[in-house]
Amino acid sequence: HYDLVCNGMELGGGSVRVHNADMQLHIFERVLGIPRERCRACFGHLLDALASGCPPHAGIALGMDRLMSIMCETPSLSDVIAFPKSAAGNELMTGAPSQVDAATLQEYHLAA
């Protein structure tokens, strides 16, 4: 993982992506708890592509809102972002966050 920082303020960050089929399968099975059969059914195309010799690759995402905050000399990102959250943490345009159904929570092992 890496970050781009200007005068102590993070402007962006990124990381090297998973580019090895064995590592990706390990993440699916051991970290996320997805059975191997389901991994093959849902992500077989990805595992096959990675096994074919995907080169290491990385990405970075720059935060225009953070850059604008520096340029406008404002201490708060909410002064410069297009859709700031409310004080309660809600996004007023989409109503996020929303409820997640029990089946989805169970699928990702987030419910008892």
PDB file of N, CA and C in Angstrom:
ATOM      1  N   HIS A   1       0.843  -1.166   0.000  1.00  0.00           N
ATOM      2  CA  HIS A   1       0.000   0.000   0.000  1.00  0.00           C
ATOM      3  C   HIS A   1       0.896   1.240   0.000  1.00  0.00           C
ATOM      4  N   TYR A   2       0.459   2.273  -0.670  1.00  0.00           N
ATOM      5  CA  TYR A   2       1.230   3.514  -0.683  1.00  0.00           C
ATOM      6  C   TYR A   2       0.278   4.709  -0.715  1.00  0.00           C
ATOM      7  N   ASP A   3       0.779   5.831  -0.229  1.00  0.00           N
ATOM      8  CA  ASP A   3      -0.013   7.050  -0.157  1.00  0.00           C
ATOM      9  C   ASP A   3       0.757   8.204  -0.785  1.00  0.00           C
ATOM     10  N   LEU A   4       0.031   9.170  -1.328  1.00  0.00           N
ATOM     11  CA  LEU A   4       0.605  10.413  -1.815  1.00  0.00           C
ATOM     12  C   LEU A   4       0.196  11.499  -0.823  1.00  0.00           C
ATOM     13  N   VAL A   5       1.198  12.154  -0.208  1.00  0.00           N
ATOM     14  CA  VAL A   5       0.943  13.123   0.850  1.00  0.00           C
ATOM     15  C   VAL A   5       1.566  14.458   0.465  1.00  0.00           C
ATOM     16  N   CYS A   6       0.831  15.531   0.718  1.00  0.00           N
ATOM     17  CA  CYS A   6       1.333  16.887   0.481  1.00  0.00           C
ATOM     18  C   CYS A   6       1.123  17.694   1.759  1.00  0.00           C
ATOM     19  N   ASN A   7       2.215  18.166   2.339  1.00  0.00           N
ATOM     20  CA  ASN A   7       2.153  18.970   3.569  1.00  0.00           C
ATOM     21  C   ASN A   7       1.339  18.277   4.662  1.00  0.00           C
ATOM     22  N   GLY A   8       1.507  16.966   4.770  1.00  0.00           N
ATOM     23  CA  GLY A   8       0.840  16.208   5.823  1.00  0.00           C
ATOM     24  C   GLY A   8      -0.586  15.798   5.522  1.00  0.00           C
ATOM     25  N   MET A   9      -1.113  16.165   4.351  1.00  0.00           N
ATOM     26  CA  MET A   9      -2.476  15.782   3.999  1.00  0.00           C
ATOM     27  C   MET A   9      -2.445  14.740   2.890  1.00  0.00           C
ATOM     28  N   GLU A  10      -3.141  13.639   3.105  1.00  0.00           N
ATOM     29  CA  GLU A  10      -3.186  12.574   2.106  1.00  0.00           C
ATOM     30  C   GLU A  10      -3.996  13.028   0.892  1.00  0.00           C
ATOM     31  N   LEU A  11      -3.392  12.926  -0.289  1.00  0.00           N
ATOM     32  CA  LEU A  11      -4.077  13.289  -1.529  1.00  0.00           C
ATOM     33  C   LEU A  11      -4.593  12.068  -2.277  1.00  0.00           C
ATOM     34  N   GLY A  12      -3.992  10.919  -2.027  1.00  0.00           N
ATOM     35  CA  GLY A  12      -4.419   9.715  -2.715  1.00  0.00           C
ATOM     36  C   GLY A  12      -3.693   8.507  -2.171  1.00  0.00           C
ATOM     37  N   GLY A  13      -4.124   7.355  -2.619  1.00  0.00           N
ATOM     38  CA  GLY A  13      -3.495   6.122  -2.177  1.00  0.00           C
ATOM     39  C   GLY A  13      -3.719   5.026  -3.189  1.00  0.00           C
ATOM     40  N   GLY A  14      -2.952   3.967  -3.036  1.00  0.00           N
ATOM     41  CA  GLY A  14      -3.089   2.851  -3.953  1.00  0.00           C
ATOM     42  C   GLY A  14      -2.391   1.623  -3.419  1.00  0.00           C
ATOM     43  N   SER A  15      -2.360   0.596  -4.254  1.00  0.00           N
ATOM     44  CA  SER A  15      -1.716  -0.654  -3.851  1.00  0.00           C
ATOM     45  C   SER A  15      -1.438  -1.503  -5.083  1.00  0.00           C
ATOM     46  N   VAL A  16      -0.602  -2.511  -4.873  1.00  0.00           N
ATOM     47  CA  VAL A  16      -0.367  -3.514  -5.905  1.00  0.00           C
ATOM     48  C   VAL A  16      -1.521  -4.504  -5.830  1.00  0.00           C
ATOM     49  N   ARG A  17      -2.119  -4.806  -6.945  1.00  0.00           N
ATOM     50  CA  ARG A  17      -3.284  -5.694  -6.998  1.00  0.00           C
ATOM     51  C   ARG A  17      -2.859  -7.155  -6.912  1.00  0.00           C
ATOM     52  N   VAL A  18      -3.794  -8.005  -6.480  1.00  0.00           N
ATOM     53  CA  VAL A  18      -3.546  -9.447  -6.484  1.00  0.00           C
ATOM     54  C   VAL A  18      -3.388  -9.872  -7.941  1.00  0.00           C
ATOM     55  N   HIS A  19      -2.269 -10.523  -8.261  1.00  0.00           N
ATOM     56  CA  HIS A  19      -2.014 -10.928  -9.647  1.00  0.00           C
ATOM     57  C   HIS A  19      -1.577 -12.385  -9.731  1.00  0.00           C
ATOM     58  N   ASN A  20      -1.859 -13.151  -8.680  1.00  0.00           N
ATOM     59  CA  ASN A  20      -1.468 -14.545  -8.619  1.00  0.00           C
ATOM     60  C   ASN A  20      -2.708 -15.380  -8.298  1.00  0.00           C
ATOM     61  N   ALA A  21      -2.994 -16.395  -9.123  1.00  0.00           N
ATOM     62  CA  ALA A  21      -4.203 -17.204  -8.948  1.00  0.00           C
ATOM     63  C   ALA A  21      -4.220 -17.917  -7.607  1.00  0.00           C
ATOM     64  N   ASP A  22      -3.081 -18.447  -7.166  1.00  0.00           N
ATOM     65  CA  ASP A  22      -3.038 -19.161  -5.886  1.00  0.00           C
ATOM     66  C   ASP A  22      -3.337 -18.215  -4.720  1.00  0.00           C
ATOM     67  N   MET A  23      -2.792 -17.005  -4.780  1.00  0.00           N
ATOM     68  CA  MET A  23      -3.062 -16.036  -3.720  1.00  0.00           C
ATOM     69  C   MET A  23      -4.535 -15.634  -3.714  1.00  0.00           C
ATOM     70  N   GLN A  24      -5.121 -15.430  -4.904  1.00  0.00           N
ATOM     71  CA  GLN A  24      -6.524 -15.043  -4.986  1.00  0.00           C
ATOM     72  C   GLN A  24      -7.419 -16.156  -4.461  1.00  0.00           C
ATOM     73  N   LEU A  25      -7.101 -17.404  -4.805  1.00  0.00           N
ATOM     74  CA  LEU A  25      -7.877 -18.543  -4.310  1.00  0.00           C
ATOM     75  C   LEU A  25      -7.757 -18.642  -2.787  1.00  0.00           C
ATOM     76  N   HIS A  26      -6.559 -18.409  -2.262  1.00  0.00           N
ATOM     77  CA  HIS A  26      -6.352 -18.420  -0.807  1.00  0.00           C
ATOM     78  C   HIS A  26      -7.239 -17.358  -0.143  1.00  0.00           C
ATOM     79  N   ILE A  27      -7.309 -16.178  -0.726  1.00  0.00           N
ATOM     80  CA  ILE A  27      -8.144 -15.101  -0.172  1.00  0.00           C
ATOM     81  C   ILE A  27      -9.613 -15.509  -0.196  1.00  0.00           C
ATOM     82  N   PHE A  28     -10.059 -16.058  -1.326  1.00  0.00           N
ATOM     83  CA  PHE A  28     -11.452 -16.492  -1.415  1.00  0.00           C
ATOM     84  C   PHE A  28     -11.779 -17.555  -0.370  1.00  0.00           C
ATOM     85  N   GLU A  29     -10.916 -18.579  -0.285  1.00  0.00           N
ATOM     86  CA  GLU A  29     -11.207 -19.728   0.578  1.00  0.00           C
ATOM     87  C   GLU A  29     -10.911 -19.465   2.056  1.00  0.00           C
ATOM     88  N   ARG A  30      -9.713 -18.999   2.349  1.00  0.00           N
ATOM     89  CA  ARG A  30      -9.262 -18.905   3.749  1.00  0.00           C
ATOM     90  C   ARG A  30      -9.679 -17.610   4.428  1.00  0.00           C
ATOM     91  N   VAL A  31      -9.688 -16.510   3.691  1.00  0.00           N
ATOM     92  CA  VAL A  31     -10.025 -15.222   4.296  1.00  0.00           C
ATOM     93  C   VAL A  31     -11.529 -14.981   4.255  1.00  0.00           C
ATOM     94  N   LEU A  32     -12.135 -15.207   3.087  1.00  0.00           N
ATOM     95  CA  LEU A  32     -13.565 -14.946   2.930  1.00  0.00           C
ATOM     96  C   LEU A  32     -14.446 -16.160   3.223  1.00  0.00           C
ATOM     97  N   GLY A  33     -13.831 -17.348   3.296  1.00  0.00           N
ATOM     98  CA  GLY A  33     -14.595 -18.554   3.626  1.00  0.00           C
ATOM     99  C   GLY A  33     -15.504 -19.044   2.521  1.00  0.00           C
ATOM    100  N   ILE A  34     -15.175 -18.755   1.277  1.00  0.00           N
ATOM    101  CA  ILE A  34     -15.984 -19.207   0.143  1.00  0.00           C
ATOM    102  C   ILE A  34     -15.506 -20.600  -0.264  1.00  0.00           C
ATOM    103  N   PRO A  35     -16.414 -21.577  -0.356  1.00  0.00           N
ATOM    104  CA  PRO A  35     -16.007 -22.931  -0.766  1.00  0.00           C
ATOM    105  C   PRO A  35     -15.389 -22.929  -2.172  1.00  0.00           C
ATOM    106  N   ARG A  36     -14.441 -23.833  -2.395  1.00  0.00           N
ATOM    107  CA  ARG A  36     -13.725 -23.898  -3.671  1.00  0.00           C
ATOM    108  C   ARG A  36     -14.680 -24.031  -4.865  1.00  0.00           C
ATOM    109  N   GLU A  37     -15.725 -24.839  -4.719  1.00  0.00           N
ATOM    110  CA  GLU A  37     -16.681 -25.026  -5.832  1.00  0.00           C
ATOM    111  C   GLU A  37     -17.348 -23.694  -6.203  1.00  0.00           C
ATOM    112  N   ARG A  38     -17.705 -22.922  -5.184  1.00  0.00           N
ATOM    113  CA  ARG A  38     -18.337 -21.627  -5.447  1.00  0.00           C
ATOM    114  C   ARG A  38     -17.334 -20.652  -6.050  1.00  0.00           C
ATOM    115  N   CYS A  39     -16.064 -20.712  -5.586  1.00  0.00           N
ATOM    116  CA  CYS A  39     -15.011 -19.870  -6.169  1.00  0.00           C
ATOM    117  C   CYS A  39     -14.903 -20.138  -7.664  1.00  0.00           C
ATOM    118  N   ARG A  40     -14.875 -21.410  -8.027  1.00  0.00           N
ATOM    119  CA  ARG A  40     -14.753 -21.766  -9.444  1.00  0.00           C
ATOM    120  C   ARG A  40     -15.993 -21.315 -10.216  1.00  0.00           C
ATOM    121  N   ALA A  41     -17.169 -21.500  -9.627  1.00  0.00           N
ATOM    122  CA  ALA A  41     -18.413 -21.142 -10.328  1.00  0.00           C
ATOM    123  C   ALA A  41     -18.537 -19.633 -10.527  1.00  0.00           C
ATOM    124  N   CYS A  42     -18.188 -18.864  -9.502  1.00  0.00           N
ATOM    125  CA  CYS A  42     -18.378 -17.411  -9.560  1.00  0.00           C
ATOM    126  C   CYS A  42     -17.172 -16.653 -10.103  1.00  0.00           C
ATOM    127  N   PHE A  43     -15.984 -17.179  -9.849  1.00  0.00           N
ATOM    128  CA  PHE A  43     -14.774 -16.433 -10.180  1.00  0.00           C
ATOM    129  C   PHE A  43     -13.782 -17.236 -11.012  1.00  0.00           C
ATOM    130  N   GLY A  44     -14.247 -18.322 -11.625  1.00  0.00           N
ATOM    131  CA  GLY A  44     -13.361 -19.164 -12.426  1.00  0.00           C
ATOM    132  C   GLY A  44     -12.666 -18.395 -13.531  1.00  0.00           C
ATOM    133  N   HIS A  45     -13.387 -17.482 -14.162  1.00  0.00           N
ATOM    134  CA  HIS A  45     -12.793 -16.688 -15.246  1.00  0.00           C
ATOM    135  C   HIS A  45     -11.629 -15.842 -14.738  1.00  0.00           C
ATOM    136  N   LEU A  46     -11.761 -15.282 -13.538  1.00  0.00           N
ATOM    137  CA  LEU A  46     -10.698 -14.484 -12.954  1.00  0.00           C
ATOM    138  C   LEU A  46      -9.501 -15.363 -12.591  1.00  0.00           C
ATOM    139  N   LEU A  47      -9.766 -16.498 -11.947  1.00  0.00           N
ATOM    140  CA  LEU A  47      -8.685 -17.403 -11.558  1.00  0.00           C
ATOM    141  C   LEU A  47      -7.941 -17.927 -12.783  1.00  0.00           C
ATOM    142  N   ASP A  48      -8.682 -18.248 -13.851  1.00  0.00           N
ATOM    143  CA  ASP A  48      -8.050 -18.722 -15.090  1.00  0.00           C
ATOM    144  C   ASP A  48      -7.174 -17.634 -15.705  1.00  0.00           C
ATOM    145  N   ALA A  49      -7.671 -16.409 -15.705  1.00  0.00           N
ATOM    146  CA  ALA A  49      -6.896 -15.297 -16.274  1.00  0.00           C
ATOM    147  C   ALA A  49      -5.623 -15.067 -15.467  1.00  0.00           C
ATOM    148  N   LEU A  50      -5.735 -15.108 -14.145  1.00  0.00           N
ATOM    149  CA  LEU A  50      -4.555 -14.909 -13.312  1.00  0.00           C
ATOM    150  C   LEU A  50      -3.560 -16.047 -13.496  1.00  0.00           C
ATOM    151  N   ALA A  51      -4.055 -17.269 -13.651  1.00  0.00           N
ATOM    152  CA  ALA A  51      -3.185 -18.432 -13.844  1.00  0.00           C
ATOM    153  C   ALA A  51      -2.479 -18.390 -15.195  1.00  0.00           C
ATOM    154  N   SER A  52      -3.023 -17.644 -16.134  1.00  0.00           N
ATOM    155  CA  SER A  52      -2.428 -17.554 -17.469  1.00  0.00           C
ATOM    156  C   SER A  52      -1.197 -16.642 -17.497  1.00  0.00           C
ATOM    157  N   GLY A  53      -0.918 -15.976 -16.394  1.00  0.00           N
ATOM    158  CA  GLY A  53       0.291 -15.163 -16.344  1.00  0.00           C
ATOM    159  C   GLY A  53       0.028 -13.680 -16.305  1.00  0.00           C
ATOM    160  N   CYS A  54      -0.795 -13.251 -15.404  1.00  0.00           N
ATOM    161  CA  CYS A  54      -1.073 -11.829 -15.256  1.00  0.00           C
ATOM    162  C   CYS A  54       0.147 -11.137 -14.652  1.00  0.00           C
ATOM    163  N   PRO A  55       0.647 -10.074 -15.274  1.00  0.00           N
ATOM    164  CA  PRO A  55       1.808  -9.376 -14.699  1.00  0.00           C
ATOM    165  C   PRO A  55       1.400  -8.572 -13.465  1.00  0.00           C
ATOM    166  N   PRO A  56       2.346  -8.294 -12.585  1.00  0.00           N
ATOM    167  CA  PRO A  56       2.028  -7.418 -11.449  1.00  0.00           C
ATOM    168  C   PRO A  56       1.519  -6.069 -11.949  1.00  0.00           C
ATOM    169  N   HIS A  57       0.508  -5.563 -11.300  1.00  0.00           N
ATOM    170  CA  HIS A  57      -0.039  -4.268 -11.683  1.00  0.00           C
ATOM    171  C   HIS A  57      -0.528  -3.540 -10.428  1.00  0.00           C
ATOM    172  N   ALA A  58      -0.560  -2.237 -10.524  1.00  0.00           N
ATOM    173  CA  ALA A  58      -0.917  -1.418  -9.373  1.00  0.00           C
ATOM    174  C   ALA A  58      -1.797  -0.261  -9.828  1.00  0.00           C
ATOM    175  N   GLY A  59      -2.368   0.412  -8.864  1.00  0.00           N
ATOM    176  CA  GLY A  59      -3.212   1.558  -9.174  1.00  0.00           C
ATOM    177  C   GLY A  59      -3.131   2.587  -8.064  1.00  0.00           C
ATOM    178  N   ILE A  60      -3.574   3.763  -8.387  1.00  0.00           N
ATOM    179  CA  ILE A  60      -3.625   4.849  -7.412  1.00  0.00           C
ATOM    180  C   ILE A  60      -4.886   5.651  -7.678  1.00  0.00           C
ATOM    181  N   ALA A  61      -5.488   6.124  -6.618  1.00  0.00           N
ATOM    182  CA  ALA A  61      -6.669   6.975  -6.732  1.00  0.00           C
ATOM    183  C   ALA A  61      -6.361   8.293  -6.040  1.00  0.00           C
ATOM    184  N   LEU A  62      -6.452   9.354  -6.786  1.00  0.00           N
ATOM    185  CA  LEU A  62      -6.217  10.677  -6.240  1.00  0.00           C
ATOM    186  C   LEU A  62      -7.540  11.292  -5.810  1.00  0.00           C
ATOM    187  N   GLY A  63      -7.546  11.954  -4.682  1.00  0.00           N
ATOM    188  CA  GLY A  63      -8.763  12.581  -4.180  1.00  0.00           C
ATOM    189  C   GLY A  63      -8.843  14.031  -4.598  1.00  0.00           C
ATOM    190  N   MET A  64      -9.647  14.307  -5.609  1.00  0.00           N
ATOM    191  CA  MET A  64      -9.807  15.697  -6.049  1.00  0.00           C
ATOM    192  C   MET A  64     -10.370  16.560  -4.929  1.00  0.00           C
ATOM    193  N   ASP A  65     -11.235  15.966  -4.097  1.00  0.00           N
ATOM    194  CA  ASP A  65     -11.790  16.722  -2.988  1.00  0.00           C
ATOM    195  C   ASP A  65     -10.692  17.161  -2.022  1.00  0.00           C
ATOM    196  N   ARG A  66      -9.725  16.288  -1.790  1.00  0.00           N
ATOM    197  CA  ARG A  66      -8.619  16.629  -0.890  1.00  0.00           C
ATOM    198  C   ARG A  66      -7.736  17.717  -1.502  1.00  0.00           C
ATOM    199  N   LEU A  67      -7.482  17.604  -2.798  1.00  0.00           N
ATOM    200  CA  LEU A  67      -6.694  18.631  -3.475  1.00  0.00           C
ATOM    201  C   LEU A  67      -7.433  19.973  -3.451  1.00  0.00           C
ATOM    202  N   MET A  68      -8.730  19.953  -3.696  1.00  0.00           N
ATOM    203  CA  MET A  68      -9.530  21.187  -3.659  1.00  0.00           C
ATOM    204  C   MET A  68      -9.538  21.788  -2.264  1.00  0.00           C
ATOM    205  N   SER A  69      -9.573  20.935  -1.239  1.00  0.00           N
ATOM    206  CA  SER A  69      -9.546  21.420   0.136  1.00  0.00           C
ATOM    207  C   SER A  69      -8.256  22.193   0.411  1.00  0.00           C
ATOM    208  N   ILE A  70      -7.137  21.689  -0.094  1.00  0.00           N
ATOM    209  CA  ILE A  70      -5.857  22.393   0.067  1.00  0.00           C
ATOM    210  C   ILE A  70      -5.874  23.701  -0.719  1.00  0.00           C
ATOM    211  N   MET A  71      -6.329  23.645  -1.973  1.00  0.00           N
ATOM    212  CA  MET A  71      -6.328  24.840  -2.813  1.00  0.00           C
ATOM    213  C   MET A  71      -7.253  25.929  -2.275  1.00  0.00           C
ATOM    214  N   CYS A  72      -8.379  25.515  -1.671  1.00  0.00           N
ATOM    215  CA  CYS A  72      -9.345  26.483  -1.122  1.00  0.00           C
ATOM    216  C   CYS A  72      -9.043  26.860   0.325  1.00  0.00           C
ATOM    217  N   GLU A  73      -7.998  26.237   0.870  1.00  0.00           N
ATOM    218  CA  GLU A  73      -7.581  26.501   2.248  1.00  0.00           C
ATOM    219  C   GLU A  73      -8.728  26.332   3.240  1.00  0.00           C
ATOM    220  N   THR A  74      -9.483  25.268   3.064  1.00  0.00           N
ATOM    221  CA  THR A  74     -10.577  24.969   3.984  1.00  0.00           C
ATOM    222  C   THR A  74     -10.194  23.759   4.833  1.00  0.00           C
ATOM    223  N   PRO A  75     -10.518  23.772   6.103  1.00  0.00           N
ATOM    224  CA  PRO A  75     -10.132  22.652   6.969  1.00  0.00           C
ATOM    225  C   PRO A  75     -11.037  21.425   6.832  1.00  0.00           C
ATOM    226  N   SER A  76     -12.169  21.564   6.174  1.00  0.00           N
ATOM    227  CA  SER A  76     -13.138  20.479   6.110  1.00  0.00           C
ATOM    228  C   SER A  76     -13.386  20.034   4.674  1.00  0.00           C
ATOM    229  N   LEU A  77     -13.313  18.720   4.455  1.00  0.00           N
ATOM    230  CA  LEU A  77     -13.623  18.189   3.124  1.00  0.00           C
ATOM    231  C   LEU A  77     -15.073  18.451   2.734  1.00  0.00           C
ATOM    232  N   SER A  78     -15.976  18.489   3.699  1.00  0.00           N
ATOM    233  CA  SER A  78     -17.390  18.696   3.373  1.00  0.00           C
ATOM    234  C   SER A  78     -17.638  20.062   2.751  1.00  0.00           C
ATOM    235  N   ASP A  79     -16.677  20.989   2.876  1.00  0.00           N
ATOM    236  CA  ASP A  79     -16.818  22.295   2.233  1.00  0.00           C
ATOM    237  C   ASP A  79     -16.602  22.221   0.723  1.00  0.00           C
ATOM    238  N   VAL A  80     -15.946  21.168   0.252  1.00  0.00           N
ATOM    239  CA  VAL A  80     -15.602  21.105  -1.169  1.00  0.00           C
ATOM    240  C   VAL A  80     -16.152  19.871  -1.896  1.00  0.00           C
ATOM    241  N   ILE A  81     -16.731  18.907  -1.183  1.00  0.00           N
ATOM    242  CA  ILE A  81     -17.236  17.719  -1.890  1.00  0.00           C
ATOM    243  C   ILE A  81     -18.655  17.953  -2.372  1.00  0.00           C
ATOM    244  N   ALA A  82     -18.992  17.277  -3.459  1.00  0.00           N
ATOM    245  CA  ALA A  82     -20.281  17.488  -4.113  1.00  0.00           C
ATOM    246  C   ALA A  82     -21.460  16.996  -3.275  1.00  0.00           C
ATOM    247  N   PHE A  83     -21.312  15.857  -2.613  1.00  0.00           N
ATOM    248  CA  PHE A  83     -22.424  15.278  -1.867  1.00  0.00           C
ATOM    249  C   PHE A  83     -21.971  14.939  -0.444  1.00  0.00           C
ATOM    250  N   PRO A  84     -21.825  15.949   0.416  1.00  0.00           N
ATOM    251  CA  PRO A  84     -21.364  15.673   1.779  1.00  0.00           C
ATOM    252  C   PRO A  84     -22.396  14.876   2.573  1.00  0.00           C
ATOM    253  N   LYS A  85     -21.921  14.125   3.540  1.00  0.00           N
ATOM    254  CA  LYS A  85     -22.791  13.352   4.420  1.00  0.00           C
ATOM    255  C   LYS A  85     -23.390  14.293   5.455  1.00  0.00           C
ATOM    256  N   SER A  86     -24.546  13.893   5.986  1.00  0.00           N
ATOM    257  CA  SER A  86     -25.154  14.654   7.066  1.00  0.00           C
ATOM    258  C   SER A  86     -24.393  14.382   8.358  1.00  0.00           C
ATOM    259  N   ALA A  87     -24.732  15.104   9.407  1.00  0.00           N
ATOM    260  CA  ALA A  87     -24.079  14.899  10.705  1.00  0.00           C
ATOM    261  C   ALA A  87     -24.305  13.484  11.218  1.00  0.00           C
ATOM    262  N   ALA A  88     -25.385  12.839  10.779  1.00  0.00           N
ATOM    263  CA  ALA A  88     -25.694  11.467  11.197  1.00  0.00           C
ATOM    264  C   ALA A  88     -24.995  10.428  10.320  1.00  0.00           C
ATOM    265  N   GLY A  89     -24.258  10.876   9.298  1.00  0.00           N
ATOM    266  CA  GLY A  89     -23.543   9.948   8.422  1.00  0.00           C
ATOM    267  C   GLY A  89     -24.362   9.459   7.244  1.00  0.00           C
ATOM    268  N   ASN A  90     -25.486  10.083   6.974  1.00  0.00           N
ATOM    269  CA  ASN A  90     -26.338   9.688   5.846  1.00  0.00           C
ATOM    270  C   ASN A  90     -25.987  10.485   4.602  1.00  0.00           C
ATOM    271  N   GLU A  91     -26.158   9.836   3.439  1.00  0.00           N
ATOM    272  CA  GLU A  91     -25.971  10.524   2.160  1.00  0.00           C
ATOM    273  C   GLU A  91     -27.368  10.868   1.664  1.00  0.00           C
ATOM    274  N   LEU A  92     -27.704  12.129   1.656  1.00  0.00           N
ATOM    275  CA  LEU A  92     -29.077  12.561   1.445  1.00  0.00           C
ATOM    276  C   LEU A  92     -29.604  12.320   0.035  1.00  0.00           C
ATOM    277  N   MET A  93     -28.728  12.250  -0.971  1.00  0.00           N
ATOM    278  CA  MET A  93     -29.193  12.047  -2.350  1.00  0.00           C
ATOM    279  C   MET A  93     -29.640  10.611  -2.604  1.00  0.00           C
ATOM    280  N   THR A  94     -28.965   9.640  -1.990  1.00  0.00           N
ATOM    281  CA  THR A  94     -29.286   8.227  -2.252  1.00  0.00           C
ATOM    282  C   THR A  94     -29.930   7.529  -1.066  1.00  0.00           C
ATOM    283  N   GLY A  95     -29.901   8.157   0.104  1.00  0.00           N
ATOM    284  CA  GLY A  95     -30.454   7.524   1.294  1.00  0.00           C
ATOM    285  C   GLY A  95     -29.513   6.515   1.934  1.00  0.00           C
ATOM    286  N   ALA A  96     -28.269   6.469   1.495  1.00  0.00           N
ATOM    287  CA  ALA A  96     -27.312   5.526   2.065  1.00  0.00           C
ATOM    288  C   ALA A  96     -26.920   5.993   3.463  1.00  0.00           C
ATOM    289  N   PRO A  97     -26.616   5.098   4.358  1.00  0.00           N
ATOM    290  CA  PRO A  97     -26.599   3.646   4.167  1.00  0.00           C
ATOM    291  C   PRO A  97     -28.003   3.059   4.268  1.00  0.00           C
ATOM    292  N   SER A  98     -28.186   1.916   3.641  1.00  0.00           N
ATOM    293  CA  SER A  98     -29.474   1.242   3.677  1.00  0.00           C
ATOM    294  C   SER A  98     -29.341  -0.097   4.398  1.00  0.00           C
ATOM    295  N   GLN A  99     -30.449  -0.729   4.649  1.00  0.00           N
ATOM    296  CA  GLN A  99     -30.464  -2.030   5.321  1.00  0.00           C
ATOM    297  C   GLN A  99     -29.957  -3.122   4.383  1.00  0.00           C
ATOM    298  N   VAL A 100     -29.262  -4.105   4.944  1.00  0.00           N
ATOM    299  CA  VAL A 100     -28.793  -5.258   4.189  1.00  0.00           C
ATOM    300  C   VAL A 100     -29.606  -6.451   4.656  1.00  0.00           C
ATOM    301  N   ASP A 101     -30.129  -7.240   3.699  1.00  0.00           N
ATOM    302  CA  ASP A 101     -30.977  -8.359   4.086  1.00  0.00           C
ATOM    303  C   ASP A 101     -30.158  -9.466   4.762  1.00  0.00           C
ATOM    304  N   ALA A 102     -30.845 -10.286   5.547  1.00  0.00           N
ATOM    305  CA  ALA A 102     -30.203 -11.327   6.360  1.00  0.00           C
ATOM    306  C   ALA A 102     -29.425 -12.325   5.510  1.00  0.00           C
ATOM    307  N   ALA A 103     -29.932 -12.671   4.330  1.00  0.00           N
ATOM    308  CA  ALA A 103     -29.246 -13.641   3.469  1.00  0.00           C
ATOM    309  C   ALA A 103     -27.881 -13.119   3.013  1.00  0.00           C
ATOM    310  N   THR A 104     -27.808 -11.841   2.692  1.00  0.00           N
ATOM    311  CA  THR A 104     -26.535 -11.251   2.271  1.00  0.00           C
ATOM    312  C   THR A 104     -25.558 -11.203   3.433  1.00  0.00           C
ATOM    313  N   LEU A 105     -26.023 -10.836   4.610  1.00  0.00           N
ATOM    314  CA  LEU A 105     -25.163 -10.827   5.788  1.00  0.00           C
ATOM    315  C   LEU A 105     -24.618 -12.222   6.083  1.00  0.00           C
ATOM    316  N   GLN A 106     -25.464 -13.223   5.974  1.00  0.00           N
ATOM    317  CA  GLN A 106     -25.041 -14.596   6.231  1.00  0.00           C
ATOM    318  C   GLN A 106     -24.045 -15.059   5.174  1.00  0.00           C
ATOM    319  N   GLU A 107     -24.263 -14.710   3.913  1.00  0.00           N
ATOM    320  CA  GLU A 107     -23.366 -15.110   2.826  1.00  0.00           C
ATOM    321  C   GLU A 107     -21.946 -14.626   3.077  1.00  0.00           C
ATOM    322  N   TYR A 108     -21.799 -13.426   3.635  1.00  0.00           N
ATOM    323  CA  TYR A 108     -20.478 -12.856   3.883  1.00  0.00           C
ATOM    324  C   TYR A 108     -20.013 -13.060   5.334  1.00  0.00           C
ATOM    325  N   HIS A 109     -20.702 -13.959   6.035  1.00  0.00           N
ATOM    326  CA  HIS A 109     -20.337 -14.327   7.408  1.00  0.00           C
ATOM    327  C   HIS A 109     -20.328 -13.125   8.349  1.00  0.00           C
ATOM    328  N   LEU A 110     -21.333 -12.263   8.182  1.00  0.00           N
ATOM    329  CA  LEU A 110     -21.447 -11.078   9.016  1.00  0.00           C
ATOM    330  C   LEU A 110     -22.595 -11.183  10.012  1.00  0.00           C
ATOM    331  N   ALA A 111     -23.306 -12.305   9.975  1.00  0.00           N
ATOM    332  CA  ALA A 111     -24.422 -12.513  10.883  1.00  0.00           C
ATOM    333  C   ALA A 111     -24.248 -13.834  11.605  1.00  0.00           C
ATOM    334  N   ALA A 112     -24.740 -13.891  12.790  1.00  0.00           N
ATOM    335  CA  ALA A 112     -24.628 -15.135  13.584  1.00  0.00           C
ATOM    336  C   ALA A 112     -25.618 -16.170  13.117  1.00  0.00           C
TER     337      ALA A 112
END
